């Protein structure tokens, strides 16, 4: 992946993350695939990228008074459990199935956005 592609991957991921709150992973995974990373590494690398971007975005949201800390706290325990299960499954699921599941989640999300 050349410098221009890295710049575009970072900009796209950051823009989507800032707009949608961690939505940058949707762009980061396919863009990281272009760098010839193995599928599991694309997803894991995306998590690190989105983590850093999410910290920055959360700081910006906090400065703008847009955060509801109490509401976020309600979801964090189950979210951490889900992250633990997801990270464990990532090691066990085959790459082709992982790619299909990721695509299905994106497709279902897109359909839901158009319908709801």
PDB file of N, CA and C in Angstrom:
ATOM      1  N   UNK A   1       0.852  -1.165   0.000  1.00  0.00           N
ATOM      2  CA  UNK A   1       0.000   0.000   0.000  1.00  0.00           C
ATOM      3  C   UNK A   1       0.903   1.234   0.000  1.00  0.00           C
ATOM      4  N   UNK A   2       0.693   2.110  -0.977  1.00  0.00           N
ATOM      5  CA  UNK A   2       1.543   3.294  -1.058  1.00  0.00           C
ATOM      6  C   UNK A   2       1.045   4.405  -0.129  1.00  0.00           C
ATOM      7  N   UNK A   3       1.797   5.485  -0.067  1.00  0.00           N
ATOM      8  CA  UNK A   3       1.488   6.576   0.853  1.00  0.00           C
ATOM      9  C   UNK A   3       0.126   7.192   0.573  1.00  0.00           C
ATOM     10  N   UNK A   4      -0.212   7.359  -0.687  1.00  0.00           N
ATOM     11  CA  UNK A   4      -1.507   7.941  -1.046  1.00  0.00           C
ATOM     12  C   UNK A   4      -2.656   7.043  -0.576  1.00  0.00           C
ATOM     13  N   UNK A   5      -2.524   5.728  -0.747  1.00  0.00           N
ATOM     14  CA  UNK A   5      -3.548   4.787  -0.307  1.00  0.00           C
ATOM     15  C   UNK A   5      -3.667   4.794   1.218  1.00  0.00           C
ATOM     16  N   UNK A   6      -2.544   4.882   1.910  1.00  0.00           N
ATOM     17  CA  UNK A   6      -2.565   4.956   3.375  1.00  0.00           C
ATOM     18  C   UNK A   6      -3.266   6.226   3.834  1.00  0.00           C
ATOM     19  N   UNK A   7      -2.966   7.327   3.171  1.00  0.00           N
ATOM     20  CA  UNK A   7      -3.600   8.601   3.503  1.00  0.00           C
ATOM     21  C   UNK A   7      -5.111   8.520   3.298  1.00  0.00           C
ATOM     22  N   UNK A   8      -5.533   7.957   2.168  1.00  0.00           N
ATOM     23  CA  UNK A   8      -6.963   7.842   1.876  1.00  0.00           C
ATOM     24  C   UNK A   8      -7.657   6.891   2.853  1.00  0.00           C
ATOM     25  N   UNK A   9      -6.997   5.808   3.223  1.00  0.00           N
ATOM     26  CA  UNK A   9      -7.568   4.875   4.196  1.00  0.00           C
ATOM     27  C   UNK A   9      -7.771   5.574   5.534  1.00  0.00           C
ATOM     28  N   UNK A  10      -6.765   6.292   5.986  1.00  0.00           N
ATOM     29  CA  UNK A  10      -6.869   7.019   7.245  1.00  0.00           C
ATOM     30  C   UNK A  10      -7.926   8.108   7.208  1.00  0.00           C
ATOM     31  N   UNK A  11      -7.941   8.892   6.126  1.00  0.00           N
ATOM     32  CA  UNK A  11      -8.924   9.969   6.009  1.00  0.00           C
ATOM     33  C   UNK A  11     -10.352   9.432   5.952  1.00  0.00           C
ATOM     34  N   UNK A  12     -10.567   8.405   5.153  1.00  0.00           N
ATOM     35  CA  UNK A  12     -11.907   7.826   5.023  1.00  0.00           C
ATOM     36  C   UNK A  12     -12.372   7.235   6.343  1.00  0.00           C
ATOM     37  N   UNK A  13     -11.502   6.468   6.989  1.00  0.00           N
ATOM     38  CA  UNK A  13     -11.854   5.855   8.271  1.00  0.00           C
ATOM     39  C   UNK A  13     -12.139   6.918   9.320  1.00  0.00           C
ATOM     40  N   UNK A  14     -11.304   7.938   9.382  1.00  0.00           N
ATOM     41  CA  UNK A  14     -11.490   9.003  10.354  1.00  0.00           C
ATOM     42  C   UNK A  14     -12.765   9.797  10.117  1.00  0.00           C
ATOM     43  N   UNK A  15     -13.053  10.095   8.858  1.00  0.00           N
ATOM     44  CA  UNK A  15     -14.269  10.835   8.525  1.00  0.00           C
ATOM     45  C   UNK A  15     -15.513  10.055   8.929  1.00  0.00           C
ATOM     46  N   UNK A  16     -15.563   8.784   8.541  1.00  0.00           N
ATOM     47  CA  UNK A  16     -16.720   7.955   8.887  1.00  0.00           C
ATOM     48  C   UNK A  16     -16.836   7.752  10.390  1.00  0.00           C
ATOM     49  N   UNK A  17     -15.696   7.599  11.056  1.00  0.00           N
ATOM     50  CA  UNK A  17     -15.703   7.422  12.504  1.00  0.00           C
ATOM     51  C   UNK A  17     -16.227   8.679  13.196  1.00  0.00           C
ATOM     52  N   UNK A  18     -15.789   9.826  12.734  1.00  0.00           N
ATOM     53  CA  UNK A  18     -16.247  11.079  13.309  1.00  0.00           C
ATOM     54  C   UNK A  18     -17.734  11.322  13.078  1.00  0.00           C
ATOM     55  N   UNK A  19     -18.212  10.953  11.905  1.00  0.00           N
ATOM     56  CA  UNK A  19     -19.622  11.156  11.576  1.00  0.00           C
ATOM     57  C   UNK A  19     -20.540  10.147  12.250  1.00  0.00           C
ATOM     58  N   UNK A  20     -20.146   8.885  12.246  1.00  0.00           N
ATOM     59  CA  UNK A  20     -21.045   7.812  12.648  1.00  0.00           C
ATOM     60  C   UNK A  20     -20.648   7.099  13.929  1.00  0.00           C
ATOM     61  N   UNK A  21     -19.563   7.477  14.551  1.00  0.00           N
ATOM     62  CA  UNK A  21     -19.149   6.806  15.783  1.00  0.00           C
ATOM     63  C   UNK A  21     -18.703   5.382  15.524  1.00  0.00           C
ATOM     64  N   UNK A  22     -17.475   5.186  15.203  1.00  0.00           N
ATOM     65  CA  UNK A  22     -16.853   3.898  14.893  1.00  0.00           C
ATOM     66  C   UNK A  22     -17.276   3.316  13.556  1.00  0.00           C
ATOM     67  N   UNK A  23     -17.953   4.078  12.743  1.00  0.00           N
ATOM     68  CA  UNK A  23     -18.329   3.616  11.412  1.00  0.00           C
ATOM     69  C   UNK A  23     -17.141   3.482  10.475  1.00  0.00           C
ATOM     70  N   UNK A  24     -15.993   3.980  10.891  1.00  0.00           N
ATOM     71  CA  UNK A  24     -14.809   3.916  10.059  1.00  0.00           C
ATOM     72  C   UNK A  24     -14.326   2.505   9.781  1.00  0.00           C
ATOM     73  N   UNK A  25     -14.680   1.559  10.643  1.00  0.00           N
ATOM     74  CA  UNK A  25     -14.284   0.167  10.430  1.00  0.00           C
ATOM     75  C   UNK A  25     -14.884  -0.423   9.177  1.00  0.00           C
ATOM     76  N   UNK A  26     -16.044   0.093   8.799  1.00  0.00           N
ATOM     77  CA  UNK A  26     -16.709  -0.370   7.582  1.00  0.00           C
ATOM     78  C   UNK A  26     -15.831  -0.073   6.364  1.00  0.00           C
ATOM     79  N   UNK A  27     -15.156   1.048   6.397  1.00  0.00           N
ATOM     80  CA  UNK A  27     -14.262   1.412   5.294  1.00  0.00           C
ATOM     81  C   UNK A  27     -12.867   0.838   5.508  1.00  0.00           C
ATOM     82  N   UNK A  28     -12.424   0.792   6.756  1.00  0.00           N
ATOM     83  CA  UNK A  28     -11.050   0.385   7.037  1.00  0.00           C
ATOM     84  C   UNK A  28     -10.762  -1.049   6.600  1.00  0.00           C
ATOM     85  N   UNK A  29     -11.685  -1.966   6.867  1.00  0.00           N
ATOM     86  CA  UNK A  29     -11.425  -3.376   6.536  1.00  0.00           C
ATOM     87  C   UNK A  29     -11.202  -3.559   5.035  1.00  0.00           C
ATOM     88  N   UNK A  30     -12.123  -3.112   4.179  1.00  0.00           N
ATOM     89  CA  UNK A  30     -11.869  -3.292   2.744  1.00  0.00           C
ATOM     90  C   UNK A  30     -10.624  -2.551   2.255  1.00  0.00           C
ATOM     91  N   UNK A  31     -10.368  -1.378   2.820  1.00  0.00           N
ATOM     92  CA  UNK A  31      -9.182  -0.642   2.402  1.00  0.00           C
ATOM     93  C   UNK A  31      -7.907  -1.337   2.863  1.00  0.00           C
ATOM     94  N   UNK A  32      -7.935  -1.937   4.040  1.00  0.00           N
ATOM     95  CA  UNK A  32      -6.769  -2.687   4.515  1.00  0.00           C
ATOM     96  C   UNK A  32      -6.551  -3.956   3.692  1.00  0.00           C
ATOM     97  N   UNK A  33      -7.630  -4.532   3.169  1.00  0.00           N
ATOM     98  CA  UNK A  33      -7.501  -5.723   2.322  1.00  0.00           C
ATOM     99  C   UNK A  33      -6.632  -5.425   1.100  1.00  0.00           C
ATOM    100  N   UNK A  34      -6.666  -4.198   0.635  1.00  0.00           N
ATOM    101  CA  UNK A  34      -5.853  -3.801  -0.518  1.00  0.00           C
ATOM    102  C   UNK A  34      -4.366  -3.878  -0.228  1.00  0.00           C
ATOM    103  N   UNK A  35      -4.008  -3.833   1.048  1.00  0.00           N
ATOM    104  CA  UNK A  35      -2.594  -3.893   1.414  1.00  0.00           C
ATOM    105  C   UNK A  35      -2.098  -5.330   1.507  1.00  0.00           C
ATOM    106  N   UNK A  36      -2.957  -6.258   1.097  1.00  0.00           N
ATOM    107  CA  UNK A  36      -2.619  -7.685   1.051  1.00  0.00           C
ATOM    108  C   UNK A  36      -2.495  -8.319   2.437  1.00  0.00           C
ATOM    109  N   UNK A  37      -3.108  -7.692   3.445  1.00  0.00           N
ATOM    110  CA  UNK A  37      -3.151  -8.317   4.765  1.00  0.00           C
ATOM    111  C   UNK A  37      -4.110  -9.497   4.744  1.00  0.00           C
ATOM    112  N   UNK A  38      -3.813 -10.501   5.514  1.00  0.00           N
ATOM    113  CA  UNK A  38      -4.701 -11.647   5.685  1.00  0.00           C
ATOM    114  C   UNK A  38      -5.980 -11.131   6.343  1.00  0.00           C
ATOM    115  N   UNK A  39      -7.114 -11.755   6.040  1.00  0.00           N
ATOM    116  CA  UNK A  39      -8.437 -11.284   6.467  1.00  0.00           C
ATOM    117  C   UNK A  39      -8.521 -11.006   7.961  1.00  0.00           C
ATOM    118  N   UNK A  40      -8.052 -11.927   8.771  1.00  0.00           N
ATOM    119  CA  UNK A  40      -8.112 -11.740  10.230  1.00  0.00           C
ATOM    120  C   UNK A  40      -7.310 -10.513  10.656  1.00  0.00           C
ATOM    121  N   UNK A  41      -6.157 -10.317  10.034  1.00  0.00           N
ATOM    122  CA  UNK A  41      -5.322  -9.172  10.378  1.00  0.00           C
ATOM    123  C   UNK A  41      -5.971  -7.862   9.943  1.00  0.00           C
ATOM    124  N   UNK A  42      -6.736  -7.887   8.845  1.00  0.00           N
ATOM    125  CA  UNK A  42      -7.468  -6.684   8.433  1.00  0.00           C
ATOM    126  C   UNK A  42      -8.457  -6.274   9.512  1.00  0.00           C
ATOM    127  N   UNK A  43      -9.200  -7.241  10.026  1.00  0.00           N
ATOM    128  CA  UNK A  43     -10.196  -6.937  11.051  1.00  0.00           C
ATOM    129  C   UNK A  43      -9.528  -6.492  12.347  1.00  0.00           C
ATOM    130  N   UNK A  44      -8.487  -7.191  12.763  1.00  0.00           N
ATOM    131  CA  UNK A  44      -7.792  -6.841  14.005  1.00  0.00           C
ATOM    132  C   UNK A  44      -7.106  -5.478  13.882  1.00  0.00           C
ATOM    133  N   UNK A  45      -6.477  -5.218  12.755  1.00  0.00           N
ATOM    134  CA  UNK A  45      -5.815  -3.932  12.532  1.00  0.00           C
ATOM    135  C   UNK A  45      -6.834  -2.808  12.504  1.00  0.00           C
ATOM    136  N   UNK A  46      -7.987  -3.076  11.908  1.00  0.00           N
ATOM    137  CA  UNK A  46      -9.063  -2.090  11.868  1.00  0.00           C
ATOM    138  C   UNK A  46      -9.512  -1.721  13.280  1.00  0.00           C
ATOM    139  N   UNK A  47      -9.572  -2.704  14.168  1.00  0.00           N
ATOM    140  CA  UNK A  47      -9.993  -2.441  15.548  1.00  0.00           C
ATOM    141  C   UNK A  47      -9.026  -1.460  16.215  1.00  0.00           C
ATOM    142  N   UNK A  48      -7.733  -1.648  16.019  1.00  0.00           N
ATOM    143  CA  UNK A  48      -6.743  -0.747  16.617  1.00  0.00           C
ATOM    144  C   UNK A  48      -6.886   0.656  16.025  1.00  0.00           C
ATOM    145  N   UNK A  49      -7.036   0.723  14.719  1.00  0.00           N
ATOM    146  CA  UNK A  49      -7.211   2.010  14.045  1.00  0.00           C
ATOM    147  C   UNK A  49      -8.453   2.718  14.565  1.00  0.00           C
ATOM    148  N   UNK A  50      -9.556   2.001  14.636  1.00  0.00           N
ATOM    149  CA  UNK A  50     -10.819   2.591  15.065  1.00  0.00           C
ATOM    150  C   UNK A  50     -10.775   2.940  16.552  1.00  0.00           C
ATOM    151  N   UNK A  51     -10.051   2.168  17.347  1.00  0.00           N
ATOM    152  CA  UNK A  51      -9.890   2.495  18.770  1.00  0.00           C
ATOM    153  C   UNK A  51      -9.290   3.886  18.940  1.00  0.00           C
ATOM    154  N   UNK A  52      -8.193   4.121  18.247  1.00  0.00           N
ATOM    155  CA  UNK A  52      -7.521   5.422  18.348  1.00  0.00           C
ATOM    156  C   UNK A  52      -8.428   6.530  17.809  1.00  0.00           C
ATOM    157  N   UNK A  53      -9.055   6.281  16.665  1.00  0.00           N
ATOM    158  CA  UNK A  53      -9.957   7.284  16.094  1.00  0.00           C
ATOM    159  C   UNK A  53     -11.155   7.526  17.008  1.00  0.00           C
ATOM    160  N   UNK A  54     -11.662   6.475  17.642  1.00  0.00           N
ATOM    161  CA  UNK A  54     -12.798   6.613  18.548  1.00  0.00           C
ATOM    162  C   UNK A  54     -12.439   7.430  19.785  1.00  0.00           C
ATOM    163  N   UNK A  55     -11.238   7.237  20.308  1.00  0.00           N
ATOM    164  CA  UNK A  55     -10.803   8.049  21.447  1.00  0.00           C
ATOM    165  C   UNK A  55     -10.785   9.528  21.068  1.00  0.00           C
ATOM    166  N   UNK A  56     -10.249   9.814  19.911  1.00  0.00           N
ATOM    167  CA  UNK A  56     -10.193  11.202  19.447  1.00  0.00           C
ATOM    168  C   UNK A  56     -11.598  11.750  19.212  1.00  0.00           C
ATOM    169  N   UNK A  57     -12.437  10.970  18.522  1.00  0.00           N
ATOM    170  CA  UNK A  57     -13.814  11.405  18.253  1.00  0.00           C
ATOM    171  C   UNK A  57     -14.583  11.620  19.554  1.00  0.00           C
ATOM    172  N   UNK A  58     -14.418  10.709  20.512  1.00  0.00           N
ATOM    173  CA  UNK A  58     -15.099  10.849  21.799  1.00  0.00           C
ATOM    174  C   UNK A  58     -14.665  12.139  22.493  1.00  0.00           C
ATOM    175  N   UNK A  59     -13.405  12.462  22.411  1.00  0.00           N
ATOM    176  CA  UNK A  59     -12.915  13.717  22.983  1.00  0.00           C
ATOM    177  C   UNK A  59     -13.567  14.923  22.326  1.00  0.00           C
ATOM    178  N   UNK A  60     -13.697  14.867  21.017  1.00  0.00           N
ATOM    179  CA  UNK A  60     -14.342  15.971  20.297  1.00  0.00           C
ATOM    180  C   UNK A  60     -15.821  16.058  20.664  1.00  0.00           C
ATOM    181  N   UNK A  61     -16.501  14.910  20.754  1.00  0.00           N
ATOM    182  CA  UNK A  61     -17.914  14.901  21.150  1.00  0.00           C
ATOM    183  C   UNK A  61     -18.065  15.449  22.564  1.00  0.00           C
ATOM    184  N   UNK A  62     -17.134  15.096  23.452  1.00  0.00           N
ATOM    185  CA  UNK A  62     -17.188  15.579  24.834  1.00  0.00           C
ATOM    186  C   UNK A  62     -17.023  17.093  24.877  1.00  0.00           C
ATOM    187  N   UNK A  63     -16.083  17.603  24.103  1.00  0.00           N
ATOM    188  CA  UNK A  63     -15.884  19.057  24.060  1.00  0.00           C
ATOM    189  C   UNK A  63     -17.120  19.780  23.537  1.00  0.00           C
ATOM    190  N   UNK A  64     -17.854  19.133  22.637  1.00  0.00           N
ATOM    191  CA  UNK A  64     -19.066  19.730  22.065  1.00  0.00           C
ATOM    192  C   UNK A  64     -20.299  19.493  22.924  1.00  0.00           C
ATOM    193  N   UNK A  65     -20.149  18.762  24.035  1.00  0.00           N
ATOM    194  CA  UNK A  65     -21.279  18.481  24.911  1.00  0.00           C
ATOM    195  C   UNK A  65     -22.255  17.464  24.340  1.00  0.00           C
ATOM    196  N   UNK A  66     -21.792  16.612  23.442  1.00  0.00           N
ATOM    197  CA  UNK A  66     -22.670  15.652  22.767  1.00  0.00           C
ATOM    198  C   UNK A  66     -22.713  14.276  23.418  1.00  0.00           C
ATOM    199  N   UNK A  67     -21.925  14.061  24.472  1.00  0.00           N
ATOM    200  CA  UNK A  67     -21.865  12.731  25.092  1.00  0.00           C
ATOM    201  C   UNK A  67     -22.889  12.578  26.210  1.00  0.00           C
ATOM    202  N   UNK A  68     -23.470  11.399  26.288  1.00  0.00           N
ATOM    203  CA  UNK A  68     -24.330  11.020  27.412  1.00  0.00           C
ATOM    204  C   UNK A  68     -23.598   9.882  28.122  1.00  0.00           C
ATOM    205  N   UNK A  69     -22.803  10.254  29.113  1.00  0.00           N
ATOM    206  CA  UNK A  69     -21.958   9.282  29.812  1.00  0.00           C
ATOM    207  C   UNK A  69     -22.778   8.183  30.494  1.00  0.00           C
ATOM    208  N   UNK A  70     -23.905   8.555  31.086  1.00  0.00           N
ATOM    209  CA  UNK A  70     -24.737   7.569  31.783  1.00  0.00           C
ATOM    210  C   UNK A  70     -25.287   6.540  30.801  1.00  0.00           C
ATOM    211  N   UNK A  71     -25.738   6.981  29.647  1.00  0.00           N
ATOM    212  CA  UNK A  71     -26.278   6.063  28.641  1.00  0.00           C
ATOM    213  C   UNK A  71     -25.159   5.149  28.119  1.00  0.00           C
ATOM    214  N   UNK A  72     -23.990   5.713  27.884  1.00  0.00           N
ATOM    215  CA  UNK A  72     -22.860   4.900  27.416  1.00  0.00           C
ATOM    216  C   UNK A  72     -22.511   3.830  28.446  1.00  0.00           C
ATOM    217  N   UNK A  73     -22.521   4.203  29.719  1.00  0.00           N
ATOM    218  CA  UNK A  73     -22.170   3.266  30.792  1.00  0.00           C
ATOM    219  C   UNK A  73     -23.117   2.071  30.845  1.00  0.00           C
ATOM    220  N   UNK A  74     -24.360   2.257  30.417  1.00  0.00           N
ATOM    221  CA  UNK A  74     -25.331   1.153  30.423  1.00  0.00           C
ATOM    222  C   UNK A  74     -24.934   0.050  29.436  1.00  0.00           C
ATOM    223  N   UNK A  75     -24.234   0.407  28.375  1.00  0.00           N
ATOM    224  CA  UNK A  75     -23.912  -0.548  27.323  1.00  0.00           C
ATOM    225  C   UNK A  75     -22.494  -1.112  27.405  1.00  0.00           C
ATOM    226  N   UNK A  76     -21.643  -0.475  28.176  1.00  0.00           N
ATOM    227  CA  UNK A  76     -20.236  -0.882  28.212  1.00  0.00           C
ATOM    228  C   UNK A  76     -20.022  -2.309  28.724  1.00  0.00           C
ATOM    229  N   UNK A  77     -20.644  -2.751  29.819  1.00  0.00           N
ATOM    230  CA  UNK A  77     -20.378  -4.126  30.283  1.00  0.00           C
ATOM    231  C   UNK A  77     -20.712  -5.192  29.230  1.00  0.00           C
ATOM    232  N   UNK A  78     -21.888  -5.112  28.632  1.00  0.00           N
ATOM    233  CA  UNK A  78     -22.252  -6.097  27.603  1.00  0.00           C
ATOM    234  C   UNK A  78     -21.378  -5.928  26.361  1.00  0.00           C
ATOM    235  N   UNK A  79     -21.008  -4.691  26.063  1.00  0.00           N
ATOM    236  CA  UNK A  79     -20.121  -4.443  24.928  1.00  0.00           C
ATOM    237  C   UNK A  79     -18.757  -5.088  25.119  1.00  0.00           C
ATOM    238  N   UNK A  80     -18.235  -5.016  26.341  1.00  0.00           N
ATOM    239  CA  UNK A  80     -16.953  -5.653  26.628  1.00  0.00           C
ATOM    240  C   UNK A  80     -17.052  -7.170  26.493  1.00  0.00           C
ATOM    241  N   UNK A  81     -18.153  -7.732  26.969  1.00  0.00           N
ATOM    242  CA  UNK A  81     -18.366  -9.174  26.814  1.00  0.00           C
ATOM    243  C   UNK A  81     -18.442  -9.544  25.337  1.00  0.00           C
ATOM    244  N   UNK A  82     -19.182  -8.769  24.567  1.00  0.00           N
ATOM    245  CA  UNK A  82     -19.278  -9.016  23.126  1.00  0.00           C
ATOM    246  C   UNK A  82     -17.923  -8.918  22.437  1.00  0.00           C
ATOM    247  N   UNK A  83     -17.115  -7.948  22.852  1.00  0.00           N
ATOM    248  CA  UNK A  83     -15.774  -7.796  22.275  1.00  0.00           C
ATOM    249  C   UNK A  83     -14.900  -9.005  22.589  1.00  0.00           C
ATOM    250  N   UNK A  84     -15.022  -9.512  23.799  1.00  0.00           N
ATOM    251  CA  UNK A  84     -14.260 -10.698  24.205  1.00  0.00           C
ATOM    252  C   UNK A  84     -14.652 -11.904  23.347  1.00  0.00           C
ATOM    253  N   UNK A  85     -15.948 -12.113  23.194  1.00  0.00           N
ATOM    254  CA  UNK A  85     -16.438 -13.236  22.382  1.00  0.00           C
ATOM    255  C   UNK A  85     -16.021 -13.060  20.921  1.00  0.00           C
ATOM    256  N   UNK A  86     -16.185 -11.842  20.394  1.00  0.00           N
ATOM    257  CA  UNK A  86     -15.824 -11.581  19.002  1.00  0.00           C
ATOM    258  C   UNK A  86     -14.345 -11.810  18.725  1.00  0.00           C
ATOM    259  N   UNK A  87     -13.489 -11.327  19.623  1.00  0.00           N
ATOM    260  CA  UNK A  87     -12.048 -11.527  19.447  1.00  0.00           C
ATOM    261  C   UNK A  87     -11.683 -13.003  19.510  1.00  0.00           C
ATOM    262  N   UNK A  88     -12.376 -13.748  20.366  1.00  0.00           N
ATOM    263  CA  UNK A  88     -12.135 -15.192  20.442  1.00  0.00           C
ATOM    264  C   UNK A  88     -12.586 -15.910  19.179  1.00  0.00           C
ATOM    265  N   UNK A  89     -13.730 -15.492  18.639  1.00  0.00           N
ATOM    266  CA  UNK A  89     -14.232 -16.110  17.407  1.00  0.00           C
ATOM    267  C   UNK A  89     -13.345 -15.796  16.214  1.00  0.00           C
ATOM    268  N   UNK A  90     -12.740 -14.612  16.209  1.00  0.00           N
ATOM    269  CA  UNK A  90     -11.898 -14.211  15.078  1.00  0.00           C
ATOM    270  C   UNK A  90     -10.785 -15.223  14.832  1.00  0.00           C
ATOM    271  N   UNK A  91     -10.248 -15.800  15.914  1.00  0.00           N
ATOM    272  CA  UNK A  91      -9.168 -16.781  15.770  1.00  0.00           C
ATOM    273  C   UNK A  91      -9.668 -18.098  15.191  1.00  0.00           C
ATOM    274  N   UNK A  92     -10.964 -18.382  15.349  1.00  0.00           N
ATOM    275  CA  UNK A  92     -11.489 -19.698  14.994  1.00  0.00           C
ATOM    276  C   UNK A  92     -12.232 -19.743  13.668  1.00  0.00           C
ATOM    277  N   UNK A  93     -12.750 -18.630  13.224  1.00  0.00           N
ATOM    278  CA  UNK A  93     -13.582 -18.617  12.027  1.00  0.00           C
ATOM    279  C   UNK A  93     -12.703 -18.572  10.769  1.00  0.00           C
ATOM    280  N   UNK A  94     -13.108 -19.287   9.754  1.00  0.00           N
ATOM    281  CA  UNK A  94     -12.353 -19.322   8.497  1.00  0.00           C
ATOM    282  C   UNK A  94     -12.468 -17.969   7.797  1.00  0.00           C
ATOM    283  N   UNK A  95     -11.403 -17.614   7.064  1.00  0.00           N
ATOM    284  CA  UNK A  95     -11.359 -16.320   6.386  1.00  0.00           C
ATOM    285  C   UNK A  95     -12.532 -16.100   5.436  1.00  0.00           C
ATOM    286  N   UNK A  96     -12.892 -17.106   4.646  1.00  0.00           N
ATOM    287  CA  UNK A  96     -13.978 -16.913   3.687  1.00  0.00           C
ATOM    288  C   UNK A  96     -15.320 -16.703   4.395  1.00  0.00           C
ATOM    289  N   UNK A  97     -15.522 -17.377   5.509  1.00  0.00           N
ATOM    290  CA  UNK A  97     -16.755 -17.188   6.285  1.00  0.00           C
ATOM    291  C   UNK A  97     -16.739 -15.807   6.943  1.00  0.00           C
ATOM    292  N   UNK A  98     -15.588 -15.412   7.461  1.00  0.00           N
ATOM    293  CA  UNK A  98     -15.448 -14.093   8.072  1.00  0.00           C
ATOM    294  C   UNK A  98     -15.805 -12.996   7.069  1.00  0.00           C
ATOM    295  N   UNK A  99     -15.303 -13.137   5.876  1.00  0.00           N
ATOM    296  CA  UNK A  99     -15.575 -12.145   4.833  1.00  0.00           C
ATOM    297  C   UNK A  99     -17.069 -12.104   4.504  1.00  0.00           C
ATOM    298  N   UNK A 100     -17.706 -13.249   4.432  1.00  0.00           N
ATOM    299  CA  UNK A 100     -19.141 -13.300   4.125  1.00  0.00           C
ATOM    300  C   UNK A 100     -19.979 -12.729   5.265  1.00  0.00           C
ATOM    301  N   UNK A 101     -19.612 -13.041   6.497  1.00  0.00           N
ATOM    302  CA  UNK A 101     -20.348 -12.511   7.641  1.00  0.00           C
ATOM    303  C   UNK A 101     -20.208 -10.987   7.680  1.00  0.00           C
ATOM    304  N   UNK A 102     -19.006 -10.490   7.458  1.00  0.00           N
ATOM    305  CA  UNK A 102     -18.776  -9.044   7.434  1.00  0.00           C
ATOM    306  C   UNK A 102     -19.626  -8.398   6.335  1.00  0.00           C
ATOM    307  N   UNK A 103     -19.628  -9.000   5.161  1.00  0.00           N
ATOM    308  CA  UNK A 103     -20.442  -8.484   4.060  1.00  0.00           C
ATOM    309  C   UNK A 103     -21.924  -8.504   4.396  1.00  0.00           C
ATOM    310  N   UNK A 104     -22.384  -9.569   5.033  1.00  0.00           N
ATOM    311  CA  UNK A 104     -23.800  -9.670   5.404  1.00  0.00           C
ATOM    312  C   UNK A 104     -24.171  -8.596   6.420  1.00  0.00           C
ATOM    313  N   UNK A 105     -23.299  -8.351   7.382  1.00  0.00           N
ATOM    314  CA  UNK A 105     -23.574  -7.309   8.379  1.00  0.00           C
ATOM    315  C   UNK A 105     -23.668  -5.946   7.706  1.00  0.00           C
ATOM    316  N   UNK A 106     -22.772  -5.679   6.775  1.00  0.00           N
ATOM    317  CA  UNK A 106     -22.794  -4.403   6.049  1.00  0.00           C
ATOM    318  C   UNK A 106     -24.075  -4.297   5.224  1.00  0.00           C
ATOM    319  N   UNK A 107     -24.431  -5.376   4.543  1.00  0.00           N
ATOM    320  CA  UNK A 107     -25.638  -5.380   3.707  1.00  0.00           C
ATOM    321  C   UNK A 107     -26.896  -5.195   4.554  1.00  0.00           C
ATOM    322  N   UNK A 108     -27.000  -5.921   5.650  1.00  0.00           N
ATOM    323  CA  UNK A 108     -28.163  -5.795   6.540  1.00  0.00           C
ATOM    324  C   UNK A 108     -28.245  -4.372   7.097  1.00  0.00           C
ATOM    325  N   UNK A 109     -27.094  -3.815   7.466  1.00  0.00           N
ATOM    326  CA  UNK A 109     -27.076  -2.440   7.974  1.00  0.00           C
ATOM    327  C   UNK A 109     -27.556  -1.461   6.910  1.00  0.00           C
ATOM    328  N   UNK A 110     -27.104  -1.659   5.681  1.00  0.00           N
ATOM    329  CA  UNK A 110     -27.517  -0.766   4.590  1.00  0.00           C
ATOM    330  C   UNK A 110     -29.017  -0.866   4.333  1.00  0.00           C
ATOM    331  N   UNK A 111     -29.545  -2.073   4.284  1.00  0.00           N
ATOM    332  CA  UNK A 111     -30.978  -2.270   4.064  1.00  0.00           C
ATOM    333  C   UNK A 111     -31.768  -1.634   5.191  1.00  0.00           C
ATOM    334  N   UNK A 112     -31.322  -1.839   6.412  1.00  0.00           N
ATOM    335  CA  UNK A 112     -32.003  -1.260   7.566  1.00  0.00           C
ATOM    336  C   UNK A 112     -32.017   0.261   7.496  1.00  0.00           C
ATOM    337  N   UNK A 113     -30.915   0.842   7.043  1.00  0.00           N
ATOM    338  CA  UNK A 113     -30.847   2.300   6.930  1.00  0.00           C
ATOM    339  C   UNK A 113     -31.850   2.834   5.919  1.00  0.00           C
ATOM    340  N   UNK A 114     -32.065   2.101   4.838  1.00  0.00           N
ATOM    341  CA  UNK A 114     -33.001   2.531   3.821  1.00  0.00           C
ATOM    342  C   UNK A 114     -34.453   2.336   4.232  1.00  0.00           C
ATOM    343  N   UNK A 115     -34.707   1.305   5.024  1.00  0.00           N
ATOM    344  CA  UNK A 115     -36.085   0.959   5.406  1.00  0.00           C
ATOM    345  C   UNK A 115     -36.547   1.757   6.616  1.00  0.00           C
ATOM    346  N   UNK A 116     -35.695   1.865   7.625  1.00  0.00           N
ATOM    347  CA  UNK A 116     -36.103   2.502   8.889  1.00  0.00           C
ATOM    348  C   UNK A 116     -35.905   3.989   8.833  1.00  0.00           C
TER     349      UNK A 116
END
